[in-house]
Amino acid sequence: MAGISAALGRWYESSKRDLPWRRTQDPYAIWVSEVMLQQTQVNTVIPYYHRFLDRFPGVVELAAADIGEVYKLWEGLGYYSRARHMHQAAGVMAAETGGKLPTDPDALRGLPGIGPYIGAAVSSIAFGLPFAVVDGNVKRVLARLFLLEPPANNASSIKTFQRVADGLLDQQNPGRHNQAMMELGALICAPNNPRCSKCPLTVHCRAFQDSKTGEYPRRIKRPALTYQHWTSGVIVRKGRILAVQRPETGLLCGLWEFPCIPLKKEDDPLEALVSGLYKIVGIHVASPVRITTVNHTYTHFKLIMDVFCCHFKSGRVRLNGPAAFKWVKPVEITALPLHKAVHKALPAITEYWGDKT
């Protein structure tokens, strides 16, 4: 184990990427980067990281912000519950720790959104504490090094991977070790076509020695993504469009959209729109016109969304499902944090309405 850690450390020092969060020892900045890097590629994260820290340079500034502004800066990163939990955790720290991340591991993991992975990453990288990180990259490296049989994408396997990671951890430099393991998985020990000729650990790697790198990590087959079909109404009244906010929990939490109604297989999108709009926002509409159909793949499902433009006819806004509403000018729509399907629909909406509003 010591030989693996030593070889890994030497490789990391000579081969690591120059990433912005590796130029700081600020626990807050390290926390922000680790949250963003969950489920998101490094190159995607970098500009978000800079913009986020420019606007919220510390815990106190993040805690004082409106959650809508946090969502807007997060827009496009996905997994919006990460942003909500960061905002909540900042509120706790601003109130209880003077705006500083706690060095005590239990206190850190007690904050909203900080589970075993984030807790281990921040504790080791920011505070030098001996906690081993286990993410997808680390699992892949460990599975190949030791021919681990438990499926890497099965939650029941985490104890096995964590035990092996703990045994391999460089206790003297845990932060560097964790970053090196993740870096090796990202740059060398790739899911497909790993660059074994460049790997510092081939002499230790059982999968390489046995010509089995393509067989590890083991994975269980996931079911195919399900489809959802929505109908959405862009309601115009006196030159303004009705935008509604999704609830703060659940699917696409806290984001804004035009009122949407999930469809059953037998539903007609136009008929369901007219009755559904009255049910969820209390408004009768006139002259709905289908202007586009959007297709977008989210993490857990594929969405088909029929978009209709329509005029306000009667009623008043009474919400049954959405958390909030705003009547906004068309040019103000993009100031709200919107989900991807809405962004895809905006060009067709803008082209249709033109000066009709």
Protein backbone atom coordinates (compact mmCIF):
# COMPACT_ATOMS: atom_id res chain seq x y z
CA MET A 1 0.00 0.00 0.00
CA ALA A 2 2.81 2.42 0.85
CA GLY A 3 4.39 1.83 -2.56
CA ILE A 4 1.15 2.70 -4.31
CA SER A 5 0.71 5.91 -2.31
CA ALA A 6 4.29 7.00 -2.92
CA ALA A 7 4.12 6.38 -6.69
CA LEU A 8 0.77 8.11 -6.87
CA GLY A 9 2.07 11.17 -5.00
CA ARG A 10 5.10 11.52 -7.27
CA TRP A 11 2.94 11.25 -10.38
CA TYR A 12 0.48 13.84 -9.08
CA GLU A 13 3.15 16.41 -8.31
CA SER A 14 4.50 16.17 -11.84
CA SER A 15 1.27 15.69 -13.81
CA LYS A 16 -1.60 17.46 -12.03
CA ARG A 17 -3.67 20.01 -13.88
CA ASP A 18 -3.45 23.66 -12.87
CA LEU A 19 -7.01 24.12 -11.61
CA PRO A 20 -8.22 27.27 -9.80
CA TRP A 21 -9.30 25.49 -6.62
CA ARG A 22 -5.82 23.99 -6.31
CA ARG A 23 -4.36 27.47 -5.92
CA THR A 24 -6.11 28.19 -2.63
CA GLN A 25 -6.27 26.87 0.91
CA ASP A 26 -9.53 28.72 1.61
CA PRO A 27 -11.90 26.05 2.97
CA TYR A 28 -14.92 27.93 1.59
CA ALA A 29 -13.52 28.00 -1.95
CA ILE A 30 -12.56 24.32 -1.71
CA TRP A 31 -16.07 23.47 -0.50
CA VAL A 32 -17.64 25.38 -3.41
CA SER A 33 -15.45 23.56 -5.92
CA GLU A 34 -16.16 20.11 -4.51
CA VAL A 35 -19.91 20.69 -4.52
CA MET A 36 -19.81 21.90 -8.12
CA LEU A 37 -17.60 19.01 -9.22
CA GLN A 38 -20.11 16.42 -8.05
CA GLN A 39 -21.73 15.05 -11.22
CA THR A 40 -20.16 17.80 -13.38
CA GLN A 41 -17.10 17.89 -15.63
CA VAL A 42 -14.10 20.04 -14.64
CA ASN A 43 -14.15 22.20 -17.77
CA THR A 44 -17.83 22.97 -17.22
CA VAL A 45 -17.27 23.90 -13.58
CA ILE A 46 -14.37 26.37 -14.00
CA PRO A 47 -16.34 29.40 -15.27
CA TYR A 48 -19.15 28.75 -12.78
CA TYR A 49 -16.61 28.55 -9.96
CA HIS A 50 -15.11 31.93 -10.85
CA ARG A 51 -18.49 33.65 -11.23
CA PHE A 52 -19.78 32.17 -7.98
CA LEU A 53 -16.78 33.28 -5.94
CA ASP A 54 -16.79 36.72 -7.54
CA ARG A 55 -20.38 37.21 -6.39
CA PHE A 56 -20.20 35.25 -3.12
CA PRO A 57 -16.58 35.45 -1.91
CA GLY A 58 -17.41 33.94 1.47
CA VAL A 59 -19.96 32.19 3.63
CA VAL A 60 -21.50 35.42 4.92
CA GLU A 61 -22.17 36.78 1.42
CA LEU A 62 -23.70 33.48 0.29
CA ALA A 63 -25.89 33.28 3.39
CA ALA A 64 -27.19 36.82 2.82
CA ALA A 65 -28.10 36.20 -0.82
CA ASP A 66 -31.57 35.53 -2.16
CA ILE A 67 -31.90 31.89 -3.18
CA GLY A 68 -33.15 33.00 -6.60
CA GLU A 69 -29.83 34.71 -7.29
CA VAL A 70 -27.98 31.59 -6.19
CA TYR A 71 -30.06 29.48 -8.57
CA LYS A 72 -29.42 31.93 -11.40
CA LEU A 73 -25.64 31.68 -10.96
CA TRP A 74 -26.02 27.90 -10.82
CA GLU A 75 -28.20 27.80 -13.95
CA GLY A 76 -26.91 25.14 -16.34
CA LEU A 77 -24.95 23.12 -13.78
CA GLY A 78 -27.91 20.91 -12.95
CA TYR A 79 -28.65 19.12 -9.68
CA TYR A 80 -30.03 22.34 -8.21
CA SER A 81 -30.47 20.82 -4.79
CA ARG A 82 -26.69 21.29 -4.46
CA ALA A 83 -27.14 25.05 -4.69
CA ARG A 84 -30.06 25.03 -2.25
CA HIS A 85 -28.11 22.98 0.29
CA MET A 86 -25.08 25.26 -0.04
CA HIS A 87 -27.25 28.27 0.66
CA GLN A 88 -28.80 26.53 3.67
CA ALA A 89 -25.40 25.44 5.00
CA ALA A 90 -24.06 28.98 4.61
CA GLY A 91 -26.99 30.23 6.67
CA VAL A 92 -26.16 27.81 9.45
CA MET A 93 -22.49 28.75 9.43
CA ALA A 94 -23.20 32.47 9.34
CA ALA A 95 -25.37 32.07 12.42
CA GLU A 96 -23.35 29.53 14.37
CA THR A 97 -19.66 29.54 13.37
CA GLY A 98 -18.95 33.12 12.44
CA GLY A 99 -19.09 32.29 8.74
CA LYS A 100 -16.33 29.67 8.84
CA LEU A 101 -16.42 26.04 7.83
CA PRO A 102 -16.08 23.88 10.95
CA THR A 103 -12.86 21.91 11.24
CA ASP A 104 -14.60 19.23 13.29
CA PRO A 105 -15.56 16.47 10.81
CA ASP A 106 -18.83 15.62 12.55
CA ALA A 107 -19.91 19.26 12.62
CA LEU A 108 -18.98 19.64 8.96
CA ARG A 109 -20.95 16.56 7.93
CA GLY A 110 -23.90 17.83 9.95
CA LEU A 111 -24.39 20.75 7.55
CA PRO A 112 -27.01 20.54 4.78
CA GLY A 113 -25.73 18.82 1.66
CA ILE A 114 -22.40 17.70 3.15
CA GLY A 115 -22.35 13.92 3.01
CA PRO A 116 -19.44 11.48 3.23
CA TYR A 117 -17.82 12.53 -0.07
CA ILE A 118 -17.93 16.32 0.44
CA GLY A 119 -17.03 15.91 4.11
CA ALA A 120 -13.97 13.78 3.31
CA ALA A 121 -12.85 16.04 0.46
CA VAL A 122 -13.04 19.28 2.45
CA SER A 123 -11.64 17.73 5.64
CA SER A 124 -8.62 16.30 3.83
CA ILE A 125 -7.87 19.04 1.30
CA ALA A 126 -8.65 22.09 3.42
CA PHE A 127 -7.77 20.81 6.89
CA GLY A 128 -5.32 17.93 6.26
CA LEU A 129 -7.46 15.38 8.11
CA PRO A 130 -7.12 11.66 7.24
CA PHE A 131 -10.36 10.92 5.43
CA ALA A 132 -10.38 9.04 2.13
CA VAL A 133 -12.58 10.29 -0.69
CA VAL A 134 -14.60 7.83 -2.75
CA ASP A 135 -16.18 9.09 -5.96
CA GLY A 136 -16.67 7.56 -9.41
CA ASN A 137 -13.06 8.13 -10.46
CA VAL A 138 -11.70 6.65 -7.25
CA LYS A 139 -13.96 3.62 -7.51
CA ARG A 140 -12.69 2.93 -11.01
CA VAL A 141 -9.05 3.14 -9.93
CA LEU A 142 -9.61 0.93 -6.90
CA ALA A 143 -11.64 -1.64 -8.83
CA ARG A 144 -8.84 -2.08 -11.37
CA LEU A 145 -6.00 -1.99 -8.86
CA PHE A 146 -7.51 -4.72 -6.70
CA LEU A 147 -10.03 -6.46 -9.01
CA LEU A 148 -12.91 -5.49 -6.76
CA GLU A 149 -16.04 -7.43 -7.65
CA PRO A 150 -18.87 -5.35 -6.09
CA PRO A 151 -20.61 -3.23 -8.77
CA ALA A 152 -19.33 0.34 -8.61
CA ASN A 153 -22.79 1.78 -9.38
CA ASN A 154 -24.56 -0.11 -6.61
CA ALA A 155 -25.10 1.78 -3.35
CA SER A 156 -24.54 -1.40 -1.34
CA SER A 157 -20.93 -1.52 -2.60
CA ILE A 158 -19.82 1.76 -1.03
CA LYS A 159 -18.63 0.12 2.20
CA THR A 160 -16.23 -2.11 0.28
CA PHE A 161 -14.79 0.76 -1.74
CA GLN A 162 -14.54 2.98 1.34
CA ARG A 163 -12.71 0.27 3.31
CA VAL A 164 -10.15 -0.21 0.53
CA ALA A 165 -9.75 3.56 0.05
CA ASP A 166 -9.19 4.02 3.77
CA GLY A 167 -6.47 1.36 3.74
CA LEU A 168 -4.68 3.01 0.82
CA LEU A 169 -4.84 6.58 2.17
CA ASP A 170 -1.60 8.47 2.68
CA GLN A 171 -2.07 9.49 6.30
CA GLN A 172 0.68 12.13 6.11
CA ASN A 173 -0.77 13.93 3.10
CA PRO A 174 -4.42 12.92 2.73
CA GLY A 175 -5.45 15.96 0.70
CA ARG A 176 -2.83 15.37 -1.96
CA HIS A 177 -3.59 11.65 -2.00
CA ASN A 178 -7.32 12.18 -2.53
CA GLN A 179 -6.75 14.67 -5.31
CA ALA A 180 -4.21 12.33 -6.91
CA MET A 181 -6.67 9.42 -6.89
CA MET A 182 -9.37 11.53 -8.51
CA GLU A 183 -6.88 13.00 -10.99
CA LEU A 184 -5.62 9.55 -11.99
CA GLY A 185 -9.17 8.44 -12.66
CA ALA A 186 -9.92 11.55 -14.68
CA LEU A 187 -6.76 11.68 -16.79
CA ILE A 188 -5.38 8.13 -17.01
CA CYS A 189 -7.68 5.43 -15.65
CA ALA A 190 -10.56 6.43 -17.91
CA PRO A 191 -13.79 4.41 -18.23
CA ASN A 192 -12.96 3.47 -21.82
CA ASN A 193 -9.50 3.06 -23.32
CA PRO A 194 -7.48 3.79 -20.18
CA ARG A 195 -4.00 5.18 -20.84
CA CYS A 196 -2.20 2.40 -19.03
CA SER A 197 1.12 3.22 -20.67
CA LYS A 198 1.08 6.55 -18.81
CA CYS A 199 -0.09 5.14 -15.47
CA PRO A 200 2.31 5.20 -12.50
CA LEU A 201 0.59 2.21 -10.90
CA THR A 202 0.72 -0.48 -13.58
CA VAL A 203 3.17 -2.55 -11.56
CA HIS A 204 0.57 -2.68 -8.78
CA CYS A 205 -2.57 -2.95 -10.95
CA ARG A 206 -4.07 -6.43 -11.05
CA ALA A 207 -6.44 -5.55 -13.91
CA PHE A 208 -3.50 -4.42 -16.04
CA GLN A 209 -1.41 -7.45 -15.13
CA ASP A 210 -4.28 -9.80 -16.01
CA SER A 211 -5.38 -7.84 -19.12
CA LYS A 212 -8.79 -7.18 -17.55
CA THR A 213 -9.00 -3.38 -17.49
CA GLY A 214 -12.04 -3.54 -19.78
CA GLU A 215 -13.86 -5.77 -17.29
CA TYR A 216 -13.55 -3.45 -14.28
CA PRO A 217 -15.18 -1.79 -12.53
CA ARG A 218 -18.12 -4.16 -12.49
CA ARG A 219 -21.45 -2.43 -13.09
CA ILE A 220 -25.08 -3.42 -12.92
CA LYS A 221 -27.22 -2.46 -15.89
CA ARG A 222 -29.52 0.46 -15.20
CA PRO A 223 -33.06 0.59 -16.63
CA ALA A 224 -33.58 2.85 -19.61
CA LEU A 225 -34.59 6.44 -18.92
CA THR A 226 -38.32 7.03 -18.73
CA TYR A 227 -40.17 9.63 -20.78
CA GLN A 228 -42.33 12.45 -19.47
CA HIS A 229 -44.63 14.52 -21.67
CA TRP A 230 -45.63 18.02 -20.54
CA THR A 231 -47.77 20.72 -22.04
CA SER A 232 -46.79 24.30 -21.24
CA GLY A 233 -48.67 27.58 -21.60
CA VAL A 234 -47.03 30.95 -22.23
CA ILE A 235 -49.80 33.26 -21.01
CA VAL A 236 -49.68 36.91 -22.03
CA ARG A 237 -51.61 39.69 -20.29
CA LYS A 238 -51.07 43.39 -20.96
CA GLY A 239 -47.65 42.83 -22.43
CA ARG A 240 -46.44 40.61 -19.60
CA ILE A 241 -45.93 36.84 -19.41
CA LEU A 242 -46.79 34.63 -16.45
CA ALA A 243 -43.79 32.80 -14.98
CA VAL A 244 -44.14 30.33 -12.12
CA GLN A 245 -41.61 28.82 -9.75
CA ARG A 246 -41.38 25.11 -9.10
CA PRO A 247 -41.50 23.97 -5.43
CA GLU A 248 -38.29 24.13 -3.39
CA THR A 249 -38.10 20.35 -3.22
CA GLY A 250 -38.42 17.69 -5.88
CA LEU A 251 -37.86 17.79 -9.61
CA LEU A 252 -36.07 20.93 -10.91
CA CYS A 253 -36.64 22.48 -7.50
CA GLY A 254 -36.85 26.24 -7.22
CA LEU A 255 -36.49 26.95 -10.93
CA TRP A 256 -38.84 29.09 -12.98
CA GLU A 257 -40.86 28.11 -16.04
CA PHE A 258 -44.11 28.76 -17.82
CA PRO A 259 -46.99 26.82 -16.24
CA CYS A 260 -46.58 23.14 -17.12
CA ILE A 261 -48.99 20.23 -16.91
CA PRO A 262 -47.75 16.62 -16.98
CA LEU A 263 -49.66 14.53 -19.52
CA LYS A 264 -50.93 10.99 -19.45
CA LYS A 265 -50.48 8.89 -22.55
CA GLU A 266 -54.08 9.40 -23.67
CA ASP A 267 -54.18 13.17 -23.03
CA ASP A 268 -54.46 15.70 -25.83
CA PRO A 269 -51.87 18.44 -25.13
CA LEU A 270 -54.18 21.32 -26.09
CA GLU A 271 -57.18 20.11 -24.12
CA ALA A 272 -55.02 19.28 -21.11
CA LEU A 273 -53.42 22.72 -21.29
CA VAL A 274 -56.68 24.67 -21.14
CA SER A 275 -58.10 22.71 -18.21
CA GLY A 276 -54.73 22.33 -16.49
CA LEU A 277 -53.90 26.03 -16.52
CA TYR A 278 -57.10 26.83 -14.69
CA LYS A 279 -56.38 24.07 -12.19
CA ILE A 280 -52.80 25.08 -11.34
CA VAL A 281 -52.86 28.88 -11.78
CA GLY A 282 -56.59 29.78 -11.80
CA ILE A 283 -56.60 31.35 -15.27
CA HIS A 284 -58.76 30.79 -18.36
CA VAL A 285 -56.91 31.36 -21.63
CA ALA A 286 -57.91 32.14 -25.20
CA SER A 287 -56.48 31.24 -28.62
CA PRO A 288 -53.74 28.77 -27.68
CA VAL A 289 -51.29 28.22 -30.53
CA ARG A 290 -48.67 25.48 -30.46
CA ILE A 291 -45.35 27.11 -31.34
CA THR A 292 -42.77 24.45 -30.60
CA THR A 293 -42.07 21.06 -29.11
CA VAL A 294 -38.95 20.76 -26.99
CA ASN A 295 -37.00 17.58 -26.34
CA HIS A 296 -34.49 17.52 -23.51
CA THR A 297 -32.76 14.76 -21.57
CA TYR A 298 -32.40 15.33 -17.84
CA THR A 299 -30.43 13.01 -15.59
CA HIS A 300 -33.25 10.65 -14.74
CA PHE A 301 -35.77 11.13 -17.54
CA LYS A 302 -36.33 12.40 -21.06
CA LEU A 303 -38.79 15.25 -21.51
CA ILE A 304 -41.06 16.12 -24.41
CA MET A 305 -42.67 19.52 -23.84
CA ASP A 306 -45.33 21.01 -26.14
CA VAL A 307 -45.31 24.80 -25.81
CA PHE A 308 -48.41 26.89 -26.53
CA CYS A 309 -48.73 30.66 -26.57
CA CYS A 310 -52.08 31.97 -25.41
CA HIS A 311 -53.81 35.13 -24.20
CA PHE A 312 -55.23 35.74 -20.75
CA LYS A 313 -59.02 35.51 -20.85
CA SER A 314 -60.24 35.65 -17.26
CA GLY A 315 -59.51 34.68 -13.67
CA ARG A 316 -56.84 35.61 -11.17
CA VAL A 317 -53.70 33.78 -10.23
CA ARG A 318 -54.35 31.14 -7.59
CA LEU A 319 -51.49 28.70 -7.28
CA ASN A 320 -52.07 24.97 -6.91
CA GLY A 321 -48.64 23.42 -7.23
CA PRO A 322 -46.21 26.22 -8.13
CA ALA A 323 -44.48 27.97 -5.24
CA ALA A 324 -44.63 31.54 -6.60
CA PHE A 325 -45.49 33.57 -9.69
CA LYS A 326 -44.48 36.76 -11.49
CA TRP A 327 -45.92 38.70 -14.42
CA VAL A 328 -42.77 39.72 -16.28
CA LYS A 329 -41.94 41.52 -19.49
CA PRO A 330 -40.63 39.17 -22.20
CA VAL A 331 -37.16 40.70 -21.96
CA GLU A 332 -37.08 39.96 -18.22
CA ILE A 333 -37.59 36.22 -18.54
CA THR A 334 -33.91 35.37 -18.78
CA ALA A 335 -33.18 37.16 -15.51
CA LEU A 336 -34.97 34.29 -13.76
CA PRO A 337 -33.28 30.92 -13.11
CA LEU A 338 -34.86 28.71 -15.78
CA HIS A 339 -34.47 25.02 -16.49
CA LYS A 340 -33.01 23.81 -19.78
CA ALA A 341 -36.27 22.94 -21.52
CA VAL A 342 -37.51 26.50 -21.03
CA HIS A 343 -34.28 27.88 -22.47
CA LYS A 344 -34.72 25.67 -25.52
CA ALA A 345 -38.25 27.03 -26.02
CA LEU A 346 -37.33 30.72 -25.68
CA PRO A 347 -36.22 31.33 -29.32
CA ALA A 348 -39.55 30.04 -30.67
CA ILE A 349 -41.48 32.05 -28.08
CA THR A 350 -39.60 35.24 -28.92
CA GLU A 351 -40.07 34.71 -32.65
CA TYR A 352 -43.79 34.02 -32.26
CA TRP A 353 -44.69 36.93 -30.02
CA GLY A 354 -42.50 39.55 -31.66
CA ASP A 355 -44.57 42.70 -31.16
CA LYS A 356 -47.78 40.77 -30.42
CA THR A 357 -47.44 41.43 -26.67
